[in-house]
Amino acid sequence: MAVTAKVLINAKYAANAQQTEYTAPASTRTIIDKFTATNTDASAQTISIHIIPSGGSYGGSNKIVKTLSITAARNQRHHSNAESDLSRW
């Protein structure tokens, strides 16, 4: 199987609520190898990340990062081998 590395989500400010950030195209398997979150605020911020299979919904069973605290003015890198047919951040 051919593997093509590409950016799934361009740099952006995170939303204040859960939302779909990426949906894999039909007949495509997506592997999220790593991501970087940057906090440009003056105080610590938290993020949570879910990888949700097609037809699924947000929940504790598909949360891969739970309330990760990012210190003010810092980057946080996360490496994962999470794989799904449908990915939501």
PDB file of N, CA and C in Angstrom:
ATOM      1  N   MET A   1       0.837  -1.169   0.000  1.00  0.00           N
ATOM      2  CA  MET A   1       0.000   0.000   0.000  1.00  0.00           C
ATOM      3  C   MET A   1       0.887   1.240   0.000  1.00  0.00           C
ATOM      4  N   ALA A   2       0.581   2.178  -0.852  1.00  0.00           N
ATOM      5  CA  ALA A   2       1.338   3.428  -0.913  1.00  0.00           C
ATOM      6  C   ALA A   2       0.948   4.336   0.249  1.00  0.00           C
ATOM      7  N   VAL A   3       1.930   5.021   0.800  1.00  0.00           N
ATOM      8  CA  VAL A   3       1.692   5.965   1.885  1.00  0.00           C
ATOM      9  C   VAL A   3       2.072   7.352   1.383  1.00  0.00           C
ATOM     10  N   THR A   4       1.169   8.301   1.558  1.00  0.00           N
ATOM     11  CA  THR A   4       1.408   9.674   1.143  1.00  0.00           C
ATOM     12  C   THR A   4       1.313  10.572   2.360  1.00  0.00           C
ATOM     13  N   ALA A   5       2.425  11.201   2.722  1.00  0.00           N
ATOM     14  CA  ALA A   5       2.430  12.125   3.854  1.00  0.00           C
ATOM     15  C   ALA A   5       1.890  13.474   3.398  1.00  0.00           C
ATOM     16  N   LYS A   6       0.990  14.058   4.194  1.00  0.00           N
ATOM     17  CA  LYS A   6       0.473  15.379   3.868  1.00  0.00           C
ATOM     18  C   LYS A   6      -0.078  16.043   5.111  1.00  0.00           C
ATOM     19  N   VAL A   7      -0.197  17.351   5.042  1.00  0.00           N
ATOM     20  CA  VAL A   7      -0.788  18.128   6.124  1.00  0.00           C
ATOM     21  C   VAL A   7      -2.295  17.954   6.053  1.00  0.00           C
ATOM     22  N   LEU A   8      -2.910  17.530   7.147  1.00  0.00           N
ATOM     23  CA  LEU A   8      -4.360  17.337   7.172  1.00  0.00           C
ATOM     24  C   LEU A   8      -5.099  18.614   7.560  1.00  0.00           C
ATOM     25  N   ILE A   9      -4.502  19.389   8.455  1.00  0.00           N
ATOM     26  CA  ILE A   9      -5.122  20.630   8.922  1.00  0.00           C
ATOM     27  C   ILE A   9      -4.050  21.707   8.914  1.00  0.00           C
ATOM     28  N   ASN A  10      -4.279  22.778   8.182  1.00  0.00           N
ATOM     29  CA  ASN A  10      -3.341  23.893   8.195  1.00  0.00           C
ATOM     30  C   ASN A  10      -3.377  24.583   9.551  1.00  0.00           C
ATOM     31  N   ALA A  11      -2.328  25.326   9.871  1.00  0.00           N
ATOM     32  CA  ALA A  11      -2.250  26.043  11.145  1.00  0.00           C
ATOM     33  C   ALA A  11      -3.491  26.906  11.330  1.00  0.00           C
ATOM     34  N   LYS A  12      -4.053  26.872  12.532  1.00  0.00           N
ATOM     35  CA  LYS A  12      -5.265  27.631  12.832  1.00  0.00           C
ATOM     36  C   LYS A  12      -5.430  27.751  14.327  1.00  0.00           C
ATOM     37  N   TYR A  13      -6.269  28.658  14.763  1.00  0.00           N
ATOM     38  CA  TYR A  13      -6.624  28.748  16.171  1.00  0.00           C
ATOM     39  C   TYR A  13      -7.657  27.686  16.478  1.00  0.00           C
ATOM     40  N   ALA A  14      -7.525  27.056  17.628  1.00  0.00           N
ATOM     41  CA  ALA A  14      -8.465  26.016  18.030  1.00  0.00           C
ATOM     42  C   ALA A  14      -9.818  26.631  18.380  1.00  0.00           C
ATOM     43  N   ALA A  15     -10.854  25.861  18.135  1.00  0.00           N
ATOM     44  CA  ALA A  15     -12.210  26.292  18.467  1.00  0.00           C
ATOM     45  C   ALA A  15     -12.439  26.133  19.971  1.00  0.00           C
ATOM     46  N   ASN A  16     -13.441  26.815  20.481  1.00  0.00           N
ATOM     47  CA  ASN A  16     -13.790  26.707  21.897  1.00  0.00           C
ATOM     48  C   ASN A  16     -14.725  25.546  22.185  1.00  0.00           C
ATOM     49  N   ALA A  17     -15.097  24.790  21.160  1.00  0.00           N
ATOM     50  CA  ALA A  17     -16.001  23.652  21.331  1.00  0.00           C
ATOM     51  C   ALA A  17     -15.556  22.534  20.398  1.00  0.00           C
ATOM     52  N   GLN A  18     -16.003  21.319  20.702  1.00  0.00           N
ATOM     53  CA  GLN A  18     -15.663  20.177  19.847  1.00  0.00           C
ATOM     54  C   GLN A  18     -16.214  20.407  18.452  1.00  0.00           C
ATOM     55  N   GLN A  19     -15.389  20.099  17.465  1.00  0.00           N
ATOM     56  CA  GLN A  19     -15.829  20.207  16.085  1.00  0.00           C
ATOM     57  C   GLN A  19     -14.989  19.288  15.223  1.00  0.00           C
ATOM     58  N   THR A  20     -15.519  18.936  14.074  1.00  0.00           N
ATOM     59  CA  THR A  20     -14.786  18.105  13.126  1.00  0.00           C
ATOM     60  C   THR A  20     -13.717  18.957  12.464  1.00  0.00           C
ATOM     61  N   GLU A  21     -12.480  18.474  12.510  1.00  0.00           N
ATOM     62  CA  GLU A  21     -11.368  19.179  11.876  1.00  0.00           C
ATOM     63  C   GLU A  21     -10.916  18.479  10.606  1.00  0.00           C
ATOM     64  N   TYR A  22     -11.145  17.178  10.521  1.00  0.00           N
ATOM     65  CA  TYR A  22     -10.723  16.431   9.333  1.00  0.00           C
ATOM     66  C   TYR A  22     -11.617  15.216   9.179  1.00  0.00           C
ATOM     67  N   THR A  23     -12.030  14.948   7.955  1.00  0.00           N
ATOM     68  CA  THR A  23     -12.772  13.741   7.625  1.00  0.00           C
ATOM     69  C   THR A  23     -12.041  13.061   6.479  1.00  0.00           C
ATOM     70  N   ALA A  24     -11.691  11.806   6.676  1.00  0.00           N
ATOM     71  CA  ALA A  24     -10.982  11.060   5.631  1.00  0.00           C
ATOM     72  C   ALA A  24     -11.914  10.829   4.444  1.00  0.00           C
ATOM     73  N   PRO A  25     -11.403  10.950   3.219  1.00  0.00           N
ATOM     74  CA  PRO A  25     -12.220  10.658   2.042  1.00  0.00           C
ATOM     75  C   PRO A  25     -12.655   9.186   2.027  1.00  0.00           C
ATOM     76  N   ALA A  26     -13.709   8.895   1.288  1.00  0.00           N
ATOM     77  CA  ALA A  26     -14.191   7.521   1.159  1.00  0.00           C
ATOM     78  C   ALA A  26     -13.070   6.619   0.646  1.00  0.00           C
ATOM     79  N   SER A  27     -13.050   5.403   1.120  1.00  0.00           N
ATOM     80  CA  SER A  27     -12.058   4.392   0.717  1.00  0.00           C
ATOM     81  C   SER A  27     -10.621   4.825   1.016  1.00  0.00           C
ATOM     82  N   THR A  28     -10.462   5.654   2.033  1.00  0.00           N
ATOM     83  CA  THR A  28      -9.134   6.123   2.432  1.00  0.00           C
ATOM     84  C   THR A  28      -8.907   5.795   3.890  1.00  0.00           C
ATOM     85  N   ARG A  29      -7.745   5.328   4.202  1.00  0.00           N
ATOM     86  CA  ARG A  29      -7.359   5.073   5.591  1.00  0.00           C
ATOM     87  C   ARG A  29      -6.385   6.163   5.992  1.00  0.00           C
ATOM     88  N   THR A  30      -6.621   6.791   7.131  1.00  0.00           N
ATOM     89  CA  THR A  30      -5.804   7.905   7.582  1.00  0.00           C
ATOM     90  C   THR A  30      -5.039   7.513   8.831  1.00  0.00           C
ATOM     91  N   ILE A  31      -3.758   7.822   8.847  1.00  0.00           N
ATOM     92  CA  ILE A  31      -2.923   7.599  10.020  1.00  0.00           C
ATOM     93  C   ILE A  31      -2.411   8.959  10.472  1.00  0.00           C
ATOM     94  N   ILE A  32      -2.715   9.312  11.706  1.00  0.00           N
ATOM     95  CA  ILE A  32      -2.215  10.562  12.264  1.00  0.00           C
ATOM     96  C   ILE A  32      -0.975  10.208  13.071  1.00  0.00           C
ATOM     97  N   ASP A  33       0.159  10.601  12.545  1.00  0.00           N
ATOM     98  CA  ASP A  33       1.443  10.260  13.132  1.00  0.00           C
ATOM     99  C   ASP A  33       1.816  11.209  14.267  1.00  0.00           C
ATOM    100  N   LYS A  34       1.552  12.492  14.076  1.00  0.00           N
ATOM    101  CA  LYS A  34       1.893  13.479  15.097  1.00  0.00           C
ATOM    102  C   LYS A  34       1.140  14.775  14.822  1.00  0.00           C
ATOM    103  N   PHE A  35       1.031  15.575  15.871  1.00  0.00           N
ATOM    104  CA  PHE A  35       0.492  16.912  15.706  1.00  0.00           C
ATOM    105  C   PHE A  35       1.170  17.828  16.713  1.00  0.00           C
ATOM    106  N   THR A  36       1.120  19.120  16.417  1.00  0.00           N
ATOM    107  CA  THR A  36       1.682  20.122  17.308  1.00  0.00           C
ATOM    108  C   THR A  36       0.599  21.118  17.656  1.00  0.00           C
ATOM    109  N   ALA A  37       0.461  21.422  18.936  1.00  0.00           N
ATOM    110  CA  ALA A  37      -0.453  22.457  19.406  1.00  0.00           C
ATOM    111  C   ALA A  37       0.400  23.551  20.033  1.00  0.00           C
ATOM    112  N   THR A  38       0.097  24.798  19.721  1.00  0.00           N
ATOM    113  CA  THR A  38       0.841  25.935  20.246  1.00  0.00           C
ATOM    114  C   THR A  38      -0.101  26.841  21.015  1.00  0.00           C
ATOM    115  N   ASN A  39       0.318  27.239  22.190  1.00  0.00           N
ATOM    116  CA  ASN A  39      -0.465  28.163  23.004  1.00  0.00           C
ATOM    117  C   ASN A  39       0.174  29.545  22.910  1.00  0.00           C
ATOM    118  N   THR A  40      -0.509  30.486  22.272  1.00  0.00           N
ATOM    119  CA  THR A  40       0.002  31.849  22.146  1.00  0.00           C
ATOM    120  C   THR A  40      -0.565  32.763  23.226  1.00  0.00           C
ATOM    121  N   ASP A  41      -1.380  32.210  24.116  1.00  0.00           N
ATOM    122  CA  ASP A  41      -2.017  32.974  25.177  1.00  0.00           C
ATOM    123  C   ASP A  41      -1.033  33.220  26.330  1.00  0.00           C
ATOM    124  N   ALA A  42      -1.395  34.117  27.234  1.00  0.00           N
ATOM    125  CA  ALA A  42      -0.551  34.425  28.391  1.00  0.00           C
ATOM    126  C   ALA A  42      -0.765  33.455  29.549  1.00  0.00           C
ATOM    127  N   SER A  43      -1.760  32.582  29.449  1.00  0.00           N
ATOM    128  CA  SER A  43      -2.003  31.591  30.505  1.00  0.00           C
ATOM    129  C   SER A  43      -2.137  30.208  29.876  1.00  0.00           C
ATOM    130  N   ALA A  44      -2.010  29.181  30.706  1.00  0.00           N
ATOM    131  CA  ALA A  44      -2.108  27.802  30.225  1.00  0.00           C
ATOM    132  C   ALA A  44      -3.487  27.535  29.620  1.00  0.00           C
ATOM    133  N   GLN A  45      -3.543  26.698  28.595  1.00  0.00           N
ATOM    134  CA  GLN A  45      -4.788  26.289  27.946  1.00  0.00           C
ATOM    135  C   GLN A  45      -4.789  24.765  27.845  1.00  0.00           C
ATOM    136  N   THR A  46      -5.963  24.171  27.722  1.00  0.00           N
ATOM    137  CA  THR A  46      -6.054  22.714  27.595  1.00  0.00           C
ATOM    138  C   THR A  46      -6.752  22.329  26.301  1.00  0.00           C
ATOM    139  N   ILE A  47      -6.373  21.147  25.778  1.00  0.00           N
ATOM    140  CA  ILE A  47      -7.042  20.585  24.606  1.00  0.00           C
ATOM    141  C   ILE A  47      -7.317  19.107  24.865  1.00  0.00           C
ATOM    142  N   SER A  48      -8.318  18.590  24.200  1.00  0.00           N
ATOM    143  CA  SER A  48      -8.620  17.159  24.183  1.00  0.00           C
ATOM    144  C   SER A  48      -8.764  16.750  22.724  1.00  0.00           C
ATOM    145  N   ILE A  49      -8.336  15.527  22.412  1.00  0.00           N
ATOM    146  CA  ILE A  49      -8.360  15.043  21.030  1.00  0.00           C
ATOM    147  C   ILE A  49      -9.087  13.714  20.968  1.00  0.00           C
ATOM    148  N   HIS A  50      -9.990  13.569  19.993  1.00  0.00           N
ATOM    149  CA  HIS A  50     -10.715  12.322  19.753  1.00  0.00           C
ATOM    150  C   HIS A  50     -10.415  11.835  18.340  1.00  0.00           C
ATOM    151  N   ILE A  51     -10.285  10.532  18.166  1.00  0.00           N
ATOM    152  CA  ILE A  51     -10.237   9.897  16.846  1.00  0.00           C
ATOM    153  C   ILE A  51     -11.501   9.043  16.788  1.00  0.00           C
ATOM    154  N   ILE A  52     -12.399   9.396  15.898  1.00  0.00           N
ATOM    155  CA  ILE A  52     -13.733   8.784  15.888  1.00  0.00           C
ATOM    156  C   ILE A  52     -13.949   7.996  14.605  1.00  0.00           C
ATOM    157  N   PRO A  53     -14.255   6.707  14.724  1.00  0.00           N
ATOM    158  CA  PRO A  53     -14.549   5.898  13.533  1.00  0.00           C
ATOM    159  C   PRO A  53     -15.827   6.375  12.845  1.00  0.00           C
ATOM    160  N   SER A  54     -15.946   6.086  11.576  1.00  0.00           N
ATOM    161  CA  SER A  54     -17.125   6.444  10.812  1.00  0.00           C
ATOM    162  C   SER A  54     -18.387   5.963  11.516  1.00  0.00           C
ATOM    163  N   GLY A  55     -19.344   6.852  11.665  1.00  0.00           N
ATOM    164  CA  GLY A  55     -20.607   6.512  12.311  1.00  0.00           C
ATOM    165  C   GLY A  55     -20.564   6.644  13.816  1.00  0.00           C
ATOM    166  N   GLY A  56     -19.403   6.953  14.391  1.00  0.00           N
ATOM    167  CA  GLY A  56     -19.263   7.074  15.840  1.00  0.00           C
ATOM    168  C   GLY A  56     -19.555   8.484  16.330  1.00  0.00           C
ATOM    169  N   SER A  57     -19.390   8.677  17.636  1.00  0.00           N
ATOM    170  CA  SER A  57     -19.595   9.993  18.224  1.00  0.00           C
ATOM    171  C   SER A  57     -18.555  10.217  19.318  1.00  0.00           C
ATOM    172  N   TYR A  58     -18.413  11.470  19.745  1.00  0.00           N
ATOM    173  CA  TYR A  58     -17.458  11.812  20.774  1.00  0.00           C
ATOM    174  C   TYR A  58     -17.739  11.022  22.046  1.00  0.00           C
ATOM    175  N   GLY A  59     -16.693  10.556  22.702  1.00  0.00           N
ATOM    176  CA  GLY A  59     -16.857   9.853  23.965  1.00  0.00           C
ATOM    177  C   GLY A  59     -15.506   9.458  24.537  1.00  0.00           C
ATOM    178  N   GLY A  60     -15.531   8.991  25.761  1.00  0.00           N
ATOM    179  CA  GLY A  60     -14.304   8.608  26.442  1.00  0.00           C
ATOM    180  C   GLY A  60     -13.550   7.481  25.770  1.00  0.00           C
ATOM    181  N   SER A  61     -14.254   6.607  25.064  1.00  0.00           N
ATOM    182  CA  SER A  61     -13.596   5.452  24.446  1.00  0.00           C
ATOM    183  C   SER A  61     -12.749   5.824  23.229  1.00  0.00           C
ATOM    184  N   ASN A  62     -12.955   7.026  22.660  1.00  0.00           N
ATOM    185  CA  ASN A  62     -12.169   7.415  21.488  1.00  0.00           C
ATOM    186  C   ASN A  62     -11.330   8.670  21.730  1.00  0.00           C
ATOM    187  N   LYS A  63     -11.187   9.022  23.004  1.00  0.00           N
ATOM    188  CA  LYS A  63     -10.359  10.177  23.354  1.00  0.00           C
ATOM    189  C   LYS A  63      -8.912   9.710  23.455  1.00  0.00           C
ATOM    190  N   ILE A  64      -8.030  10.294  22.641  1.00  0.00           N
ATOM    191  CA  ILE A  64      -6.623   9.889  22.681  1.00  0.00           C
ATOM    192  C   ILE A  64      -5.773  10.867  23.483  1.00  0.00           C
ATOM    193  N   VAL A  65      -6.276  12.088  23.668  1.00  0.00           N
ATOM    194  CA  VAL A  65      -5.608  13.077  24.511  1.00  0.00           C
ATOM    195  C   VAL A  65      -6.688  13.700  25.382  1.00  0.00           C
ATOM    196  N   LYS A  66      -6.501  13.621  26.704  1.00  0.00           N
ATOM    197  CA  LYS A  66      -7.507  14.152  27.627  1.00  0.00           C
ATOM    198  C   LYS A  66      -6.957  15.382  28.345  1.00  0.00           C
ATOM    199  N   THR A  67      -7.608  16.501  28.130  1.00  0.00           N
ATOM    200  CA  THR A  67      -7.283  17.775  28.766  1.00  0.00           C
ATOM    201  C   THR A  67      -5.773  17.991  28.940  1.00  0.00           C
ATOM    202  N   LEU A  68      -5.076  17.972  27.823  1.00  0.00           N
ATOM    203  CA  LEU A  68      -3.640  18.230  27.810  1.00  0.00           C
ATOM    204  C   LEU A  68      -3.412  19.714  28.071  1.00  0.00           C
ATOM    205  N   SER A  69      -2.667  20.029  29.121  1.00  0.00           N
ATOM    206  CA  SER A  69      -2.373  21.420  29.454  1.00  0.00           C
ATOM    207  C   SER A  69      -1.151  21.882  28.675  1.00  0.00           C
ATOM    208  N   ILE A  70      -1.301  23.017  28.008  1.00  0.00           N
ATOM    209  CA  ILE A  70      -0.196  23.615  27.260  1.00  0.00           C
ATOM    210  C   ILE A  70       0.156  24.920  27.960  1.00  0.00           C
ATOM    211  N   THR A  71       1.371  24.991  28.457  1.00  0.00           N
ATOM    212  CA  THR A  71       1.855  26.167  29.175  1.00  0.00           C
ATOM    213  C   THR A  71       1.795  27.398  28.277  1.00  0.00           C
ATOM    214  N   ALA A  72       1.665  28.560  28.881  1.00  0.00           N
ATOM    215  CA  ALA A  72       1.622  29.816  28.132  1.00  0.00           C
ATOM    216  C   ALA A  72       2.834  29.952  27.223  1.00  0.00           C
ATOM    217  N   ALA A  73       2.577  30.400  26.000  1.00  0.00           N
ATOM    218  CA  ALA A  73       3.618  30.671  25.000  1.00  0.00           C
ATOM    219  C   ALA A  73       4.520  29.473  24.740  1.00  0.00           C
ATOM    220  N   ARG A  74       3.943  28.275  24.689  1.00  0.00           N
ATOM    221  CA  ARG A  74       4.721  27.055  24.453  1.00  0.00           C
ATOM    222  C   ARG A  74       4.084  26.209  23.366  1.00  0.00           C
ATOM    223  N   ASN A  75       4.866  25.249  22.833  1.00  0.00           N
ATOM    224  CA  ASN A  75       4.390  24.242  21.893  1.00  0.00           C
ATOM    225  C   ASN A  75       4.270  22.920  22.623  1.00  0.00           C
ATOM    226  N   GLN A  76       3.350  22.095  22.208  1.00  0.00           N
ATOM    227  CA  GLN A  76       3.224  20.739  22.726  1.00  0.00           C
ATOM    228  C   GLN A  76       3.101  19.809  21.531  1.00  0.00           C
ATOM    229  N   ARG A  77       4.010  18.857  21.405  1.00  0.00           N
ATOM    230  CA  ARG A  77       3.942  17.881  20.322  1.00  0.00           C
ATOM    231  C   ARG A  77       3.414  16.572  20.856  1.00  0.00           C
ATOM    232  N   HIS A  78       2.592  15.949  20.061  1.00  0.00           N
ATOM    233  CA  HIS A  78       2.024  14.657  20.441  1.00  0.00           C
ATOM    234  C   HIS A  78       2.274  13.685  19.298  1.00  0.00           C
ATOM    235  N   HIS A  79       2.835  12.543  19.625  1.00  0.00           N
ATOM    236  CA  HIS A  79       3.081  11.498  18.632  1.00  0.00           C
ATOM    237  C   HIS A  79       2.113  10.363  18.909  1.00  0.00           C
ATOM    238  N   SER A  80       1.507   9.865  17.854  1.00  0.00           N
ATOM    239  CA  SER A  80       0.489   8.842  18.002  1.00  0.00           C
ATOM    240  C   SER A  80       0.522   7.905  16.809  1.00  0.00           C
ATOM    241  N   ASN A  81       0.012   6.726  17.002  1.00  0.00           N
ATOM    242  CA  ASN A  81      -0.200   5.806  15.891  1.00  0.00           C
ATOM    243  C   ASN A  81      -1.697   5.572  15.723  1.00  0.00           C
ATOM    244  N   ALA A  82      -2.487   6.562  16.127  1.00  0.00           N
ATOM    245  CA  ALA A  82      -3.932   6.443  16.023  1.00  0.00           C
ATOM    246  C   ALA A  82      -4.333   6.310  14.560  1.00  0.00           C
ATOM    247  N   GLU A  83      -5.206   5.381  14.275  1.00  0.00           N
ATOM    248  CA  GLU A  83      -5.616   5.127  12.896  1.00  0.00           C
ATOM    249  C   GLU A  83      -7.123   4.991  12.851  1.00  0.00           C
ATOM    250  N   SER A  84      -7.722   5.577  11.849  1.00  0.00           N
ATOM    251  CA  SER A  84      -9.172   5.539  11.747  1.00  0.00           C
ATOM    252  C   SER A  84      -9.594   5.801  10.319  1.00  0.00           C
ATOM    253  N   ASP A  85     -10.797   5.367   9.971  1.00  0.00           N
ATOM    254  CA  ASP A  85     -11.374   5.699   8.678  1.00  0.00           C
ATOM    255  C   ASP A  85     -11.946   7.110   8.689  1.00  0.00           C
ATOM    256  N   LEU A  86     -12.261   7.613   9.872  1.00  0.00           N
ATOM    257  CA  LEU A  86     -12.782   8.963  10.023  1.00  0.00           C
ATOM    258  C   LEU A  86     -12.114   9.565  11.238  1.00  0.00           C
ATOM    259  N   SER A  87     -11.511  10.714  11.067  1.00  0.00           N
ATOM    260  CA  SER A  87     -10.805  11.367  12.167  1.00  0.00           C
ATOM    261  C   SER A  87     -11.431  12.724  12.460  1.00  0.00           C
ATOM    262  N   ARG A  88     -11.714  12.976  13.725  1.00  0.00           N
ATOM    263  CA  ARG A  88     -12.223  14.276  14.141  1.00  0.00           C
ATOM    264  C   ARG A  88     -11.307  14.803  15.232  1.00  0.00           C
ATOM    265  N   TRP A  89     -10.958  16.091  15.138  1.00  0.00           N
ATOM    266  CA  TRP A  89     -10.163  16.719  16.174  1.00  0.00           C
ATOM    267  C   TRP A  89     -10.993  17.770  16.815  1.00  0.00           C
TER     268      TRP A  89
END
